[in-house]
Amino acid sequence: MQSTDLMMEGFNLMLMGMGFVFAFLTLLVIATTLMSKIILRFSKPEPLATPNQRGAASLIKGQSPDLIAAISAAIHLHRQRK
């Protein structure tokens, strides 16, 4: 086998491999997009969380008031330094 035949065979194999990978990735993107559209169409939208008037303290239920005060003081000091 001559070197030119070997180079052409390698080139053909490279093109076929790259074409297969390109086709597979294109198919994968299309399938993922379709699945995403189907899921978004049939799923129920989640209710958005509304912030309470009490702020961050209302998010920490069951915690001691001393801990909440300490965390609030630390945040206040951190913001003052910046």
Protein backbone atom coordinates (compact mmCIF):
# COMPACT_ATOMS: atom_id res chain seq x y z
CA MET A 1 0.00 0.00 0.00
CA GLN A 2 1.40 3.39 -0.93
CA SER A 3 1.65 6.27 1.49
CA THR A 4 -0.85 8.33 -0.53
CA ASP A 5 -3.45 5.56 -0.27
CA LEU A 6 -2.82 5.31 3.45
CA MET A 7 -3.17 9.09 3.86
CA MET A 8 -6.44 9.12 1.89
CA GLU A 9 -7.81 6.26 3.99
CA GLY A 10 -6.86 8.11 7.17
CA PHE A 11 -8.43 11.30 5.86
CA ASN A 12 -11.66 9.48 4.98
CA LEU A 13 -11.75 7.84 8.41
CA MET A 14 -11.22 11.22 10.07
CA LEU A 15 -14.03 12.83 8.08
CA MET A 16 -16.43 9.97 8.82
CA GLY A 17 -15.61 10.10 12.53
CA MET A 18 -16.00 13.86 12.76
CA GLY A 19 -19.23 13.69 10.77
CA PHE A 20 -20.62 11.02 13.09
CA VAL A 21 -19.72 13.05 16.19
CA PHE A 22 -21.24 16.21 14.68
CA ALA A 23 -24.46 14.38 13.76
CA PHE A 24 -24.72 12.80 17.21
CA LEU A 25 -24.17 16.11 19.03
CA THR A 26 -26.71 17.85 16.79
CA LEU A 27 -29.25 15.12 17.52
CA LEU A 28 -28.48 15.39 21.23
CA VAL A 29 -29.09 19.15 21.24
CA ILE A 30 -32.38 18.74 19.37
CA ALA A 31 -33.55 15.99 21.73
CA THR A 32 -32.62 18.01 24.82
CA THR A 33 -34.41 21.10 23.49
CA LEU A 34 -37.55 19.10 22.69
CA MET A 35 -37.58 17.45 26.12
CA SER A 36 -37.19 20.82 27.78
CA LYS A 37 -40.11 22.28 25.82
CA ILE A 38 -42.31 19.28 26.62
CA ILE A 39 -41.51 19.43 30.33
CA LEU A 40 -42.12 23.18 30.50
CA ARG A 41 -45.42 22.79 28.66
CA PHE A 42 -46.87 20.10 30.92
CA SER A 43 -45.38 21.03 34.29
CA LYS A 44 -47.16 23.28 36.73
CA PRO A 45 -45.43 26.56 37.51
CA GLU A 46 -44.08 26.74 41.03
CA PRO A 47 -45.43 29.55 43.18
CA LEU A 48 -42.97 32.33 43.79
CA ALA A 49 -41.80 32.88 47.34
CA THR A 50 -42.95 36.20 48.72
CA PRO A 51 -40.74 37.89 51.31
CA ASN A 52 -42.25 38.44 54.73
CA GLN A 53 -42.39 41.79 56.46
CA ARG A 54 -40.18 40.53 59.28
CA GLY A 55 -37.24 39.87 56.96
CA ALA A 56 -34.54 37.27 57.60
CA ALA A 57 -35.63 36.58 61.17
CA SER A 58 -38.86 35.02 59.92
CA LEU A 59 -36.90 32.61 57.71
CA ILE A 60 -35.09 31.13 60.71
CA LYS A 61 -37.90 29.41 62.56
CA GLY A 62 -37.16 27.55 65.73
CA GLN A 63 -33.92 29.43 66.41
CA SER A 64 -33.28 31.29 69.63
CA PRO A 65 -33.65 35.07 69.60
CA ASP A 66 -30.08 35.39 70.94
CA LEU A 67 -28.70 33.57 67.90
CA ILE A 68 -30.72 35.73 65.53
CA ALA A 69 -29.51 38.88 67.32
CA ALA A 70 -25.88 37.73 67.11
CA ILE A 71 -26.15 36.97 63.39
CA SER A 72 -27.86 40.32 62.74
CA ALA A 73 -25.14 42.17 64.68
CA ALA A 74 -22.39 40.38 62.75
CA ILE A 75 -24.00 41.27 59.43
CA HIS A 76 -24.43 44.88 60.54
CA LEU A 77 -20.75 45.13 61.55
CA HIS A 78 -19.62 43.53 58.30
CA ARG A 79 -21.62 46.02 56.24
CA GLN A 80 -20.31 48.97 58.23
CA ARG A 81 -16.69 48.03 57.53
CA LYS A 82 -17.18 48.04 53.76
